[in-house]
Amino acid sequence: MGKFRIRECSDLDYDGMVVDIIYDDKWLATLSCDGGFDKTVIKFFCDNNENPSWEFNFFEFIQVLNNSIKILKEINNLD
């Protein structure tokens, strides 16, 4: 997945487990499903000083999103 990594974690701001998407060793986004799997939310993080914009391969990003949602479902026992 190139420079992308997926990290499973527990965050005190959320009731369930979350999945973080890391790009080039920087925190890009968090997926959570506290409101139910059908209401999964993605929260993006941007460091405007260091990274005013992100640019990466579209298909790699879609693959990361698909893998992230599968992991989110598994770690929250939503199968």
C-alpha atoms as a PDB file:
ATOM      1  CA  MET A   1       0.000   0.000   0.000  1.00  0.00           C
ATOM      2  CA  GLY A   2       2.912   2.306  -0.571  1.00  0.00           C
ATOM      3  CA  LYS A   3       3.216   5.001   2.074  1.00  0.00           C
ATOM      4  CA  PHE A   4      -0.141   4.111   3.678  1.00  0.00           C
ATOM      5  CA  ARG A   5      -0.489   2.223   6.961  1.00  0.00           C
ATOM      6  CA  ILE A   6      -3.583   1.183   8.879  1.00  0.00           C
ATOM      7  CA  ARG A   7      -3.513   1.260  12.674  1.00  0.00           C
ATOM      8  CA  GLU A   8      -6.154  -0.293  14.944  1.00  0.00           C
ATOM      9  CA  CYS A   9      -6.531   1.573  18.201  1.00  0.00           C
ATOM     10  CA  SER A  10      -8.683   2.532  21.125  1.00  0.00           C
ATOM     11  CA  ASP A  11      -9.346   6.244  21.570  1.00  0.00           C
ATOM     12  CA  LEU A  12     -10.997   7.738  24.646  1.00  0.00           C
ATOM     13  CA  ASP A  13     -13.035  10.048  22.397  1.00  0.00           C
ATOM     14  CA  TYR A  14     -14.892   7.030  20.970  1.00  0.00           C
ATOM     15  CA  ASP A  15     -16.953   4.235  22.511  1.00  0.00           C
ATOM     16  CA  GLY A  16     -15.635   1.497  20.210  1.00  0.00           C
ATOM     17  CA  MET A  17     -12.356   0.719  18.556  1.00  0.00           C
ATOM     18  CA  VAL A  18     -11.223   2.970  15.710  1.00  0.00           C
ATOM     19  CA  VAL A  19      -8.963   2.668  12.680  1.00  0.00           C
ATOM     20  CA  ASP A  20      -6.362   5.317  11.901  1.00  0.00           C
ATOM     21  CA  ILE A  21      -5.026   5.840   8.390  1.00  0.00           C
ATOM     22  CA  ILE A  22      -1.413   6.955   8.329  1.00  0.00           C
ATOM     23  CA  TYR A  23       0.220   8.386   5.205  1.00  0.00           C
ATOM     24  CA  ASP A  24       3.963   8.972   5.003  1.00  0.00           C
ATOM     25  CA  ASP A  25       4.150   8.579   8.822  1.00  0.00           C
ATOM     26  CA  LYS A  26       1.531  11.316   9.353  1.00  0.00           C
ATOM     27  CA  TRP A  27      -1.962  10.832  10.781  1.00  0.00           C
ATOM     28  CA  LEU A  28      -4.361  11.346   7.867  1.00  0.00           C
ATOM     29  CA  ALA A  29      -7.737  10.116   9.132  1.00  0.00           C
ATOM     30  CA  THR A  30      -9.710   8.136  11.708  1.00  0.00           C
ATOM     31  CA  LEU A  31     -12.671   5.873  10.970  1.00  0.00           C
ATOM     32  CA  SER A  32     -15.203   5.230  13.724  1.00  0.00           C
ATOM     33  CA  CYS A  33     -18.575   3.507  13.910  1.00  0.00           C
ATOM     34  CA  ASP A  34     -19.959   4.601  17.288  1.00  0.00           C
ATOM     35  CA  GLY A  35     -23.358   5.349  15.728  1.00  0.00           C
ATOM     36  CA  GLY A  36     -23.504   1.935  14.047  1.00  0.00           C
ATOM     37  CA  PHE A  37     -21.661   0.470  11.075  1.00  0.00           C
ATOM     38  CA  ASP A  38     -24.068   2.067   8.599  1.00  0.00           C
ATOM     39  CA  LYS A  39     -23.158   5.455  10.095  1.00  0.00           C
ATOM     40  CA  THR A  40     -19.377   5.038   9.919  1.00  0.00           C
ATOM     41  CA  VAL A  41     -17.590   8.397  10.052  1.00  0.00           C
ATOM     42  CA  ILE A  42     -14.197   9.376   8.646  1.00  0.00           C
ATOM     43  CA  LYS A  43     -12.441  12.321  10.267  1.00  0.00           C
ATOM     44  CA  PHE A  44      -9.530  13.882   8.349  1.00  0.00           C
ATOM     45  CA  PHE A  45      -6.585  15.601  10.008  1.00  0.00           C
ATOM     46  CA  CYS A  46      -4.615  18.267   8.161  1.00  0.00           C
ATOM     47  CA  ASP A  47      -1.496  20.072   9.246  1.00  0.00           C
ATOM     48  CA  ASN A  48      -1.839  23.258   7.246  1.00  0.00           C
ATOM     49  CA  ASN A  49       1.626  24.458   8.197  1.00  0.00           C
ATOM     50  CA  GLU A  50       3.500  21.393   7.038  1.00  0.00           C
ATOM     51  CA  ASN A  51       1.083  19.833   4.528  1.00  0.00           C
ATOM     52  CA  PRO A  52      -1.283  22.360   2.963  1.00  0.00           C
ATOM     53  CA  SER A  53      -2.606  19.575   0.729  1.00  0.00           C
ATOM     54  CA  TRP A  54      -2.350  15.810   0.327  1.00  0.00           C
ATOM     55  CA  GLU A  55      -1.690  14.073  -2.966  1.00  0.00           C
ATOM     56  CA  PHE A  56      -1.575  10.323  -3.438  1.00  0.00           C
ATOM     57  CA  ASN A  57      -2.671   7.621  -5.842  1.00  0.00           C
ATOM     58  CA  PHE A  58      -6.479   7.431  -6.000  1.00  0.00           C
ATOM     59  CA  PHE A  59      -6.591   3.629  -6.276  1.00  0.00           C
ATOM     60  CA  GLU A  60      -4.195   3.130  -3.353  1.00  0.00           C
ATOM     61  CA  PHE A  61      -6.405   5.417  -1.262  1.00  0.00           C
ATOM     62  CA  ILE A  62      -9.561   3.478  -2.218  1.00  0.00           C
ATOM     63  CA  GLN A  63      -7.780   0.228  -1.331  1.00  0.00           C
ATOM     64  CA  VAL A  64      -6.765   1.659   2.053  1.00  0.00           C
ATOM     65  CA  LEU A  65     -10.343   2.803   2.723  1.00  0.00           C
ATOM     66  CA  ASN A  66     -11.723  -0.631   1.818  1.00  0.00           C
ATOM     67  CA  ASN A  67      -9.176  -2.403   4.032  1.00  0.00           C
ATOM     68  CA  SER A  68      -9.801   0.072   6.862  1.00  0.00           C
ATOM     69  CA  ILE A  69     -13.562  -0.469   6.854  1.00  0.00           C
ATOM     70  CA  LYS A  70     -13.079  -4.264   6.943  1.00  0.00           C
ATOM     71  CA  ILE A  71     -10.742  -3.950   9.922  1.00  0.00           C
ATOM     72  CA  LEU A  72     -13.109  -1.520  11.673  1.00  0.00           C
ATOM     73  CA  LYS A  73     -15.945  -4.024  11.290  1.00  0.00           C
ATOM     74  CA  GLU A  74     -13.802  -6.889  12.616  1.00  0.00           C
ATOM     75  CA  ILE A  75     -12.359  -5.121  15.659  1.00  0.00           C
ATOM     76  CA  ASN A  76     -15.805  -3.933  16.729  1.00  0.00           C
ATOM     77  CA  ASN A  77     -17.268  -7.451  16.308  1.00  0.00           C
ATOM     78  CA  LEU A  78     -19.826  -6.285  13.749  1.00  0.00           C
ATOM     79  CA  ASP A  79     -19.746  -9.382  11.511  1.00  0.00           C
END
